[in-house]
């Protein structure tokens, strides 16, 4: 998986859990600018996926995200 270096440095632990449950693709920074930067418009779930690839397999991350508990999902 290819990603930019700044993704590893973002701290998403400050985002309230209820916000992630409501909209997991919510941008990390809610910038109300006409032309937000790439960092401002990247979704929190995308950042968490990249940060957790060192700890788990991608297939398991997506199965967990989609609540797929079938044997083929996990």
PDB file of N, CA and C in Angstrom:
ATOM      1  N   UNK A   1       0.850  -1.164   0.000  1.00  0.00           N
ATOM      2  CA  UNK A   1       0.000   0.000   0.000  1.00  0.00           C
ATOM      3  C   UNK A   1       0.900   1.232   0.000  1.00  0.00           C
ATOM      4  N   UNK A   2       0.626   2.150  -0.896  1.00  0.00           N
ATOM      5  CA  UNK A   2       1.423   3.374  -0.982  1.00  0.00           C
ATOM      6  C   UNK A   2       0.703   4.505  -0.252  1.00  0.00           C
ATOM      7  N   UNK A   3       1.464   5.277   0.507  1.00  0.00           N
ATOM      8  CA  UNK A   3       0.903   6.428   1.210  1.00  0.00           C
ATOM      9  C   UNK A   3       2.001   7.430   1.479  1.00  0.00           C
ATOM     10  N   UNK A   4       1.603   8.636   1.806  1.00  0.00           N
ATOM     11  CA  UNK A   4       2.573   9.695   2.065  1.00  0.00           C
ATOM     12  C   UNK A   4       3.037   9.644   3.519  1.00  0.00           C
ATOM     13  N   UNK A   5       4.224  10.161   3.779  1.00  0.00           N
ATOM     14  CA  UNK A   5       4.839  10.095   5.107  1.00  0.00           C
ATOM     15  C   UNK A   5       4.010  10.761   6.199  1.00  0.00           C
ATOM     16  N   UNK A   6       3.295  11.828   5.885  1.00  0.00           N
ATOM     17  CA  UNK A   6       2.568  12.559   6.911  1.00  0.00           C
ATOM     18  C   UNK A   6       1.462  11.729   7.544  1.00  0.00           C
ATOM     19  N   UNK A   7       0.997  10.665   6.871  1.00  0.00           N
ATOM     20  CA  UNK A   7      -0.083   9.839   7.405  1.00  0.00           C
ATOM     21  C   UNK A   7       0.340   9.167   8.712  1.00  0.00           C
ATOM     22  N   UNK A   8       1.604   8.768   8.816  1.00  0.00           N
ATOM     23  CA  UNK A   8       2.090   8.133  10.042  1.00  0.00           C
ATOM     24  C   UNK A   8       2.147   9.103  11.214  1.00  0.00           C
ATOM     25  N   UNK A   9       2.231  10.384  10.937  1.00  0.00           N
ATOM     26  CA  UNK A   9       2.395  11.377  11.994  1.00  0.00           C
ATOM     27  C   UNK A   9       1.075  11.931  12.522  1.00  0.00           C
ATOM     28  N   UNK A  10      -0.040  11.625  11.858  1.00  0.00           N
ATOM     29  CA  UNK A  10      -1.340  12.144  12.264  1.00  0.00           C
ATOM     30  C   UNK A  10      -1.847  11.377  13.481  1.00  0.00           C
ATOM     31  N   UNK A  11      -2.331  12.108  14.479  1.00  0.00           N
ATOM     32  CA  UNK A  11      -2.882  11.491  15.681  1.00  0.00           C
ATOM     33  C   UNK A  11      -4.400  11.528  15.610  1.00  0.00           C
ATOM     34  N   UNK A  12      -5.009  10.383  15.305  1.00  0.00           N
ATOM     35  CA  UNK A  12      -6.467  10.312  15.183  1.00  0.00           C
ATOM     36  C   UNK A  12      -7.131   9.868  16.482  1.00  0.00           C
ATOM     37  N   UNK A  13      -6.363   9.703  17.534  1.00  0.00           N
ATOM     38  CA  UNK A  13      -6.933   9.243  18.805  1.00  0.00           C
ATOM     39  C   UNK A  13      -7.801  10.303  19.473  1.00  0.00           C
ATOM     40  N   UNK A  14      -7.676  11.561  19.072  1.00  0.00           N
ATOM     41  CA  UNK A  14      -8.478  12.638  19.662  1.00  0.00           C
ATOM     42  C   UNK A  14      -9.877  12.749  19.073  1.00  0.00           C
ATOM     43  N   UNK A  15     -10.143  12.025  18.002  1.00  0.00           N
ATOM     44  CA  UNK A  15     -11.455  12.100  17.364  1.00  0.00           C
ATOM     45  C   UNK A  15     -12.451  11.276  18.188  1.00  0.00           C
ATOM     46  N   UNK A  16     -13.563  11.878  18.619  1.00  0.00           N
ATOM     47  CA  UNK A  16     -14.550  11.146  19.414  1.00  0.00           C
ATOM     48  C   UNK A  16     -15.121   9.937  18.663  1.00  0.00           C
ATOM     49  N   UNK A  17     -15.322   8.833  19.373  1.00  0.00           N
ATOM     50  CA  UNK A  17     -15.811   7.601  18.769  1.00  0.00           C
ATOM     51  C   UNK A  17     -17.168   7.780  18.112  1.00  0.00           C
ATOM     52  N   UNK A  18     -18.041   8.588  18.714  1.00  0.00           N
ATOM     53  CA  UNK A  18     -19.371   8.783  18.136  1.00  0.00           C
ATOM     54  C   UNK A  18     -19.303   9.471  16.773  1.00  0.00           C
ATOM     55  N   UNK A  19     -18.295  10.316  16.556  1.00  0.00           N
ATOM     56  CA  UNK A  19     -18.127  10.948  15.247  1.00  0.00           C
ATOM     57  C   UNK A  19     -17.706   9.927  14.203  1.00  0.00           C
ATOM     58  N   UNK A  20     -16.848   8.983  14.604  1.00  0.00           N
ATOM     59  CA  UNK A  20     -16.415   7.946  13.669  1.00  0.00           C
ATOM     60  C   UNK A  20     -17.550   6.997  13.326  1.00  0.00           C
ATOM     61  N   UNK A  21     -18.397   6.702  14.288  1.00  0.00           N
ATOM     62  CA  UNK A  21     -19.525   5.813  14.021  1.00  0.00           C
ATOM     63  C   UNK A  21     -20.545   6.487  13.119  1.00  0.00           C
ATOM     64  N   UNK A  22     -20.704   7.785  13.287  1.00  0.00           N
ATOM     65  CA  UNK A  22     -21.656   8.528  12.459  1.00  0.00           C
ATOM     66  C   UNK A  22     -21.166   8.673  11.024  1.00  0.00           C
ATOM     67  N   UNK A  23     -19.884   8.999  10.868  1.00  0.00           N
ATOM     68  CA  UNK A  23     -19.307   9.203   9.533  1.00  0.00           C
ATOM     69  C   UNK A  23     -17.833   8.807   9.543  1.00  0.00           C
ATOM     70  N   UNK A  24     -17.507   7.526   9.275  1.00  0.00           N
ATOM     71  CA  UNK A  24     -16.110   7.085   9.312  1.00  0.00           C
ATOM     72  C   UNK A  24     -15.237   7.714   8.232  1.00  0.00           C
ATOM     73  N   UNK A  25     -15.841   8.231   7.181  1.00  0.00           N
ATOM     74  CA  UNK A  25     -15.070   8.870   6.113  1.00  0.00           C
ATOM     75  C   UNK A  25     -14.961  10.376   6.295  1.00  0.00           C
ATOM     76  N   UNK A  26     -15.324  10.840   7.483  1.00  0.00           N
ATOM     77  CA  UNK A  26     -15.226  12.270   7.776  1.00  0.00           C
ATOM     78  C   UNK A  26     -13.773  12.708   7.618  1.00  0.00           C
ATOM     79  N   UNK A  27     -13.559  13.858   6.999  1.00  0.00           N
ATOM     80  CA  UNK A  27     -12.185  14.362   6.871  1.00  0.00           C
ATOM     81  C   UNK A  27     -11.546  14.561   8.236  1.00  0.00           C
ATOM     82  N   UNK A  28     -10.238  14.360   8.279  1.00  0.00           N
ATOM     83  CA  UNK A  28      -9.522  14.491   9.540  1.00  0.00           C
ATOM     84  C   UNK A  28      -9.645  15.894  10.106  1.00  0.00           C
ATOM     85  N   UNK A  29      -9.449  16.880   9.272  1.00  0.00           N
ATOM     86  CA  UNK A  29      -9.603  18.268   9.700  1.00  0.00           C
ATOM     87  C   UNK A  29     -10.802  18.853   8.970  1.00  0.00           C
ATOM     88  N   UNK A  30     -11.727  19.363   9.726  1.00  0.00           N
ATOM     89  CA  UNK A  30     -12.904  19.975   9.109  1.00  0.00           C
ATOM     90  C   UNK A  30     -12.561  21.400   8.692  1.00  0.00           C
ATOM     91  N   UNK A  31     -11.999  21.515   7.520  1.00  0.00           N
ATOM     92  CA  UNK A  31     -11.594  22.812   6.985  1.00  0.00           C
ATOM     93  C   UNK A  31     -12.673  23.312   6.035  1.00  0.00           C
ATOM     94  N   UNK A  32     -13.140  24.464   6.302  1.00  0.00           N
ATOM     95  CA  UNK A  32     -14.200  25.031   5.468  1.00  0.00           C
ATOM     96  C   UNK A  32     -13.602  26.041   4.495  1.00  0.00           C
ATOM     97  N   UNK A  33     -12.642  25.541   3.720  1.00  0.00           N
ATOM     98  CA  UNK A  33     -11.983  26.376   2.732  1.00  0.00           C
ATOM     99  C   UNK A  33     -12.424  25.937   1.341  1.00  0.00           C
ATOM    100  N   UNK A  34     -12.260  26.812   0.402  1.00  0.00           N
ATOM    101  CA  UNK A  34     -12.628  26.480  -0.967  1.00  0.00           C
ATOM    102  C   UNK A  34     -11.712  25.391  -1.531  1.00  0.00           C
ATOM    103  N   UNK A  35     -10.435  25.459  -1.204  1.00  0.00           N
ATOM    104  CA  UNK A  35      -9.468  24.483  -1.696  1.00  0.00           C
ATOM    105  C   UNK A  35      -8.714  23.866  -0.512  1.00  0.00           C
ATOM    106  N   UNK A  36      -9.301  22.872   0.177  1.00  0.00           N
ATOM    107  CA  UNK A  36      -8.598  22.244   1.306  1.00  0.00           C
ATOM    108  C   UNK A  36      -7.401  21.429   0.821  1.00  0.00           C
ATOM    109  N   UNK A  37      -6.407  21.280   1.680  1.00  0.00           N
ATOM    110  CA  UNK A  37      -5.229  20.500   1.339  1.00  0.00           C
ATOM    111  C   UNK A  37      -5.567  19.010   1.385  1.00  0.00           C
ATOM    112  N   UNK A  38      -4.670  18.202   0.873  1.00  0.00           N
ATOM    113  CA  UNK A  38      -4.871  16.759   0.880  1.00  0.00           C
ATOM    114  C   UNK A  38      -5.005  16.243   2.310  1.00  0.00           C
ATOM    115  N   UNK A  39      -4.222  16.766   3.223  1.00  0.00           N
ATOM    116  CA  UNK A  39      -4.297  16.348   4.626  1.00  0.00           C
ATOM    117  C   UNK A  39      -5.640  16.712   5.238  1.00  0.00           C
ATOM    118  N   UNK A  40      -6.188  17.840   4.864  1.00  0.00           N
ATOM    119  CA  UNK A  40      -7.463  18.286   5.417  1.00  0.00           C
ATOM    120  C   UNK A  40      -8.649  17.484   4.883  1.00  0.00           C
ATOM    121  N   UNK A  41      -8.531  16.933   3.695  1.00  0.00           N
ATOM    122  CA  UNK A  41      -9.675  16.224   3.129  1.00  0.00           C
ATOM    123  C   UNK A  41      -9.567  14.698   3.207  1.00  0.00           C
ATOM    124  N   UNK A  42      -8.469  14.173   3.742  1.00  0.00           N
ATOM    125  CA  UNK A  42      -8.319  12.726   3.872  1.00  0.00           C
ATOM    126  C   UNK A  42      -9.206  12.200   4.990  1.00  0.00           C
ATOM    127  N   UNK A  43      -9.938  11.126   4.729  1.00  0.00           N
ATOM    128  CA  UNK A  43     -10.852  10.553   5.706  1.00  0.00           C
ATOM    129  C   UNK A  43     -10.139   9.876   6.861  1.00  0.00           C
ATOM    130  N   UNK A  44     -10.752   9.939   8.032  1.00  0.00           N
ATOM    131  CA  UNK A  44     -10.156   9.360   9.232  1.00  0.00           C
ATOM    132  C   UNK A  44     -10.002   7.847   9.099  1.00  0.00           C
ATOM    133  N   UNK A  45     -10.999   7.176   8.534  1.00  0.00           N
ATOM    134  CA  UNK A  45     -10.912   5.725   8.375  1.00  0.00           C
ATOM    135  C   UNK A  45      -9.743   5.345   7.478  1.00  0.00           C
ATOM    136  N   UNK A  46      -9.482   6.136   6.456  1.00  0.00           N
ATOM    137  CA  UNK A  46      -8.346   5.874   5.571  1.00  0.00           C
ATOM    138  C   UNK A  46      -7.031   5.998   6.326  1.00  0.00           C
ATOM    139  N   UNK A  47      -6.927   7.010   7.155  1.00  0.00           N
ATOM    140  CA  UNK A  47      -5.710   7.214   7.949  1.00  0.00           C
ATOM    141  C   UNK A  47      -5.529   6.060   8.920  1.00  0.00           C
ATOM    142  N   UNK A  48      -6.603   5.652   9.603  1.00  0.00           N
ATOM    143  CA  UNK A  48      -6.513   4.547  10.556  1.00  0.00           C
ATOM    144  C   UNK A  48      -6.141   3.242   9.862  1.00  0.00           C
ATOM    145  N   UNK A  49      -6.645   3.027   8.664  1.00  0.00           N
ATOM    146  CA  UNK A  49      -6.311   1.811   7.919  1.00  0.00           C
ATOM    147  C   UNK A  49      -4.831   1.751   7.612  1.00  0.00           C
ATOM    148  N   UNK A  50      -4.272   2.849   7.142  1.00  0.00           N
ATOM    149  CA  UNK A  50      -2.846   2.889   6.820  1.00  0.00           C
ATOM    150  C   UNK A  50      -2.007   2.714   8.084  1.00  0.00           C
ATOM    151  N   UNK A  51      -2.400   3.363   9.172  1.00  0.00           N
ATOM    152  CA  UNK A  51      -1.634   3.269  10.408  1.00  0.00           C
ATOM    153  C   UNK A  51      -1.691   1.878  11.029  1.00  0.00           C
ATOM    154  N   UNK A  52      -2.750   1.132  10.784  1.00  0.00           N
ATOM    155  CA  UNK A  52      -2.880  -0.182  11.407  1.00  0.00           C
ATOM    156  C   UNK A  52      -2.373  -1.317  10.527  1.00  0.00           C
ATOM    157  N   UNK A  53      -1.883  -1.041   9.336  1.00  0.00           N
ATOM    158  CA  UNK A  53      -1.414  -2.116   8.456  1.00  0.00           C
ATOM    159  C   UNK A  53      -0.205  -2.822   9.032  1.00  0.00           C
ATOM    160  N   UNK A  54       0.525  -2.200   9.927  1.00  0.00           N
ATOM    161  CA  UNK A  54       1.674  -2.854  10.546  1.00  0.00           C
ATOM    162  C   UNK A  54       1.234  -3.854  11.606  1.00  0.00           C
ATOM    163  N   UNK A  55       0.006  -3.752  12.084  1.00  0.00           N
ATOM    164  CA  UNK A  55      -0.469  -4.585  13.180  1.00  0.00           C
ATOM    165  C   UNK A  55      -1.391  -5.713  12.727  1.00  0.00           C
ATOM    166  N   UNK A  56      -2.060  -5.578  11.607  1.00  0.00           N
ATOM    167  CA  UNK A  56      -3.038  -6.568  11.181  1.00  0.00           C
ATOM    168  C   UNK A  56      -3.053  -6.669   9.664  1.00  0.00           C
ATOM    169  N   UNK A  57      -3.761  -7.669   9.169  1.00  0.00           N
ATOM    170  CA  UNK A  57      -3.852  -7.810   7.712  1.00  0.00           C
ATOM    171  C   UNK A  57      -4.962  -6.906   7.176  1.00  0.00           C
ATOM    172  N   UNK A  58      -4.793  -6.444   5.973  1.00  0.00           N
ATOM    173  CA  UNK A  58      -5.747  -5.530   5.346  1.00  0.00           C
ATOM    174  C   UNK A  58      -7.135  -6.172   5.243  1.00  0.00           C
ATOM    175  N   UNK A  59      -7.177  -7.435   4.888  1.00  0.00           N
ATOM    176  CA  UNK A  59      -8.470  -8.117   4.743  1.00  0.00           C
ATOM    177  C   UNK A  59      -9.240  -8.114   6.069  1.00  0.00           C
ATOM    178  N   UNK A  60      -8.544  -8.361   7.171  1.00  0.00           N
ATOM    179  CA  UNK A  60      -9.184  -8.342   8.486  1.00  0.00           C
ATOM    180  C   UNK A  60      -9.670  -6.957   8.867  1.00  0.00           C
ATOM    181  N   UNK A  61      -8.921  -5.933   8.510  1.00  0.00           N
ATOM    182  CA  UNK A  61      -9.316  -4.552   8.804  1.00  0.00           C
ATOM    183  C   UNK A  61     -10.614  -4.212   8.085  1.00  0.00           C
ATOM    184  N   UNK A  62     -10.685  -4.558   6.784  1.00  0.00           N
ATOM    185  CA  UNK A  62     -11.898  -4.267   6.028  1.00  0.00           C
ATOM    186  C   UNK A  62     -13.080  -5.109   6.507  1.00  0.00           C
ATOM    187  N   UNK A  63     -12.839  -6.373   6.851  1.00  0.00           N
ATOM    188  CA  UNK A  63     -13.918  -7.222   7.364  1.00  0.00           C
ATOM    189  C   UNK A  63     -14.453  -6.663   8.673  1.00  0.00           C
ATOM    190  N   UNK A  64     -13.569  -6.202   9.525  1.00  0.00           N
ATOM    191  CA  UNK A  64     -13.989  -5.604  10.787  1.00  0.00           C
ATOM    192  C   UNK A  64     -14.781  -4.319  10.536  1.00  0.00           C
ATOM    193  N   UNK A  65     -14.307  -3.479   9.632  1.00  0.00           N
ATOM    194  CA  UNK A  65     -14.974  -2.224   9.298  1.00  0.00           C
ATOM    195  C   UNK A  65     -16.377  -2.465   8.751  1.00  0.00           C
ATOM    196  N   UNK A  66     -16.535  -3.513   7.943  1.00  0.00           N
ATOM    197  CA  UNK A  66     -17.814  -3.815   7.310  1.00  0.00           C
ATOM    198  C   UNK A  66     -18.678  -4.770   8.147  1.00  0.00           C
ATOM    199  N   UNK A  67     -18.200  -5.112   9.356  1.00  0.00           N
ATOM    200  CA  UNK A  67     -18.899  -6.064  10.234  1.00  0.00           C
ATOM    201  C   UNK A  67     -19.145  -7.398   9.541  1.00  0.00           C
ATOM    202  N   UNK A  68     -18.172  -7.848   8.770  1.00  0.00           N
ATOM    203  CA  UNK A  68     -18.252  -9.129   8.061  1.00  0.00           C
ATOM    204  C   UNK A  68     -17.657 -10.213   8.960  1.00  0.00           C
ATOM    205  N   UNK A  69     -18.514 -11.041   9.528  1.00  0.00           N
ATOM    206  CA  UNK A  69     -18.051 -12.082  10.450  1.00  0.00           C
ATOM    207  C   UNK A  69     -18.035 -13.468   9.798  1.00  0.00           C
ATOM    208  N   UNK A  70     -18.226 -13.530   8.480  1.00  0.00           N
ATOM    209  CA  UNK A  70     -18.194 -14.816   7.793  1.00  0.00           C
ATOM    210  C   UNK A  70     -16.781 -15.350   7.750  1.00  0.00           C
ATOM    211  N   UNK A  71     -16.647 -16.638   7.494  1.00  0.00           N
ATOM    212  CA  UNK A  71     -15.316 -17.249   7.453  1.00  0.00           C
ATOM    213  C   UNK A  71     -14.490 -16.713   6.285  1.00  0.00           C
ATOM    214  N   UNK A  72     -15.121 -16.325   5.198  1.00  0.00           N
ATOM    215  CA  UNK A  72     -14.376 -15.786   4.065  1.00  0.00           C
ATOM    216  C   UNK A  72     -13.974 -14.332   4.288  1.00  0.00           C
ATOM    217  N   UNK A  73     -14.691 -13.646   5.147  1.00  0.00           N
ATOM    218  CA  UNK A  73     -14.351 -12.252   5.443  1.00  0.00           C
ATOM    219  C   UNK A  73     -13.176 -12.138   6.388  1.00  0.00           C
ATOM    220  N   UNK A  74     -13.139 -12.983   7.371  1.00  0.00           N
ATOM    221  CA  UNK A  74     -12.066 -12.931   8.352  1.00  0.00           C
ATOM    222  C   UNK A  74     -11.007 -13.947   8.004  1.00  0.00           C
TER     223      UNK A  74
END
